[in-house]
């Protein structure tokens, strides 16, 4: 049996937390910008830290598992 939980959680979080796609923290002109399709180095760093934190919470603290037969 393969555990697909970590893979699914990582892919979903990666897509949702891409800087500039849905939200960008910090934005170029404001603290938070929505759907501007631009990014910066600081924004990439902030989104990486948020991604790592959420991934750690979902995989270690909550223990998300999806098993396939």
C-alpha atoms as a PDB file:
ATOM      1  CA  UNK A   1       0.000   0.000   0.000  1.00  0.00           C
ATOM      2  CA  UNK A   2       1.264   3.424  -0.915  1.00  0.00           C
ATOM      3  CA  UNK A   3       0.719   6.480   1.274  1.00  0.00           C
ATOM      4  CA  UNK A   4      -0.273   9.340  -1.042  1.00  0.00           C
ATOM      5  CA  UNK A   5      -1.184  11.781   1.749  1.00  0.00           C
ATOM      6  CA  UNK A   6       2.123  13.677   1.816  1.00  0.00           C
ATOM      7  CA  UNK A   7       2.205  13.942  -1.977  1.00  0.00           C
ATOM      8  CA  UNK A   8      -1.349  15.283  -2.258  1.00  0.00           C
ATOM      9  CA  UNK A   9      -0.914  17.754   0.607  1.00  0.00           C
ATOM     10  CA  UNK A  10       2.407  19.033  -0.787  1.00  0.00           C
ATOM     11  CA  UNK A  11       1.034  19.532  -4.311  1.00  0.00           C
ATOM     12  CA  UNK A  12      -2.143  21.291  -3.142  1.00  0.00           C
ATOM     13  CA  UNK A  13      -0.224  23.612  -0.820  1.00  0.00           C
ATOM     14  CA  UNK A  14       2.359  24.339  -3.532  1.00  0.00           C
ATOM     15  CA  UNK A  15      -0.325  25.353  -6.023  1.00  0.00           C
ATOM     16  CA  UNK A  16      -2.275  27.445  -3.504  1.00  0.00           C
ATOM     17  CA  UNK A  17       0.794  29.198  -2.086  1.00  0.00           C
ATOM     18  CA  UNK A  18       2.544  30.169  -5.330  1.00  0.00           C
ATOM     19  CA  UNK A  19       3.376  33.862  -4.911  1.00  0.00           C
ATOM     20  CA  UNK A  20       1.182  35.997  -7.146  1.00  0.00           C
ATOM     21  CA  UNK A  21      -1.284  33.305  -8.213  1.00  0.00           C
ATOM     22  CA  UNK A  22      -3.964  33.765  -5.548  1.00  0.00           C
ATOM     23  CA  UNK A  23      -2.260  35.915  -2.940  1.00  0.00           C
ATOM     24  CA  UNK A  24       1.098  37.624  -2.533  1.00  0.00           C
ATOM     25  CA  UNK A  25       2.526  38.491   0.880  1.00  0.00           C
ATOM     26  CA  UNK A  26       4.188  41.063   0.852  1.00  0.00           C
ATOM     27  CA  UNK A  27       2.925  42.642  -2.346  1.00  0.00           C
ATOM     28  CA  UNK A  28       4.728  45.189  -4.486  1.00  0.00           C
ATOM     29  CA  UNK A  29       2.468  48.110  -3.550  1.00  0.00           C
ATOM     30  CA  UNK A  30       0.512  46.781  -0.551  1.00  0.00           C
ATOM     31  CA  UNK A  31       1.121  44.337   2.270  1.00  0.00           C
ATOM     32  CA  UNK A  32      -1.242  41.780   0.692  1.00  0.00           C
ATOM     33  CA  UNK A  33      -2.150  41.649  -3.001  1.00  0.00           C
ATOM     34  CA  UNK A  34      -4.533  39.256  -4.717  1.00  0.00           C
ATOM     35  CA  UNK A  35      -4.037  37.745  -8.183  1.00  0.00           C
ATOM     36  CA  UNK A  36      -1.399  40.147  -9.490  1.00  0.00           C
ATOM     37  CA  UNK A  37       0.719  37.406 -11.196  1.00  0.00           C
ATOM     38  CA  UNK A  38       3.977  39.092 -10.113  1.00  0.00           C
ATOM     39  CA  UNK A  39       6.489  38.125  -7.453  1.00  0.00           C
ATOM     40  CA  UNK A  40       9.614  39.257  -5.647  1.00  0.00           C
ATOM     41  CA  UNK A  41      12.418  37.597  -3.730  1.00  0.00           C
ATOM     42  CA  UNK A  42      10.960  38.592  -0.365  1.00  0.00           C
ATOM     43  CA  UNK A  43       7.564  37.234  -1.369  1.00  0.00           C
ATOM     44  CA  UNK A  44       9.125  33.907  -2.377  1.00  0.00           C
ATOM     45  CA  UNK A  45      10.874  33.713   1.009  1.00  0.00           C
ATOM     46  CA  UNK A  46       7.676  34.468   2.950  1.00  0.00           C
ATOM     47  CA  UNK A  47       5.633  31.947   0.947  1.00  0.00           C
ATOM     48  CA  UNK A  48       8.358  29.304   1.426  1.00  0.00           C
ATOM     49  CA  UNK A  49       8.251  29.739   5.202  1.00  0.00           C
ATOM     50  CA  UNK A  50       4.433  29.551   5.208  1.00  0.00           C
ATOM     51  CA  UNK A  51       4.554  26.452   2.952  1.00  0.00           C
ATOM     52  CA  UNK A  52       7.060  24.681   5.206  1.00  0.00           C
ATOM     53  CA  UNK A  53       5.059  25.518   8.328  1.00  0.00           C
ATOM     54  CA  UNK A  54       1.735  24.315   6.921  1.00  0.00           C
ATOM     55  CA  UNK A  55       3.297  21.187   5.410  1.00  0.00           C
ATOM     56  CA  UNK A  56       4.876  20.332   8.763  1.00  0.00           C
ATOM     57  CA  UNK A  57       1.578  20.823  10.568  1.00  0.00           C
ATOM     58  CA  UNK A  58      -0.410  18.702   8.119  1.00  0.00           C
ATOM     59  CA  UNK A  59       2.095  15.854   7.844  1.00  0.00           C
ATOM     60  CA  UNK A  60       3.562  15.593  11.338  1.00  0.00           C
ATOM     61  CA  UNK A  61       1.075  17.112  13.769  1.00  0.00           C
ATOM     62  CA  UNK A  62      -2.170  16.038  12.075  1.00  0.00           C
ATOM     63  CA  UNK A  63      -0.790  13.013  10.220  1.00  0.00           C
ATOM     64  CA  UNK A  64      -2.654  13.111   6.904  1.00  0.00           C
ATOM     65  CA  UNK A  65      -2.619   9.685   5.206  1.00  0.00           C
ATOM     66  CA  UNK A  66      -4.235   8.539   1.946  1.00  0.00           C
ATOM     67  CA  UNK A  67      -3.690   4.845   1.239  1.00  0.00           C
ATOM     68  CA  UNK A  68      -4.249   3.204  -2.142  1.00  0.00           C
ATOM     69  CA  UNK A  69      -4.773  -0.490  -2.613  1.00  0.00           C
END
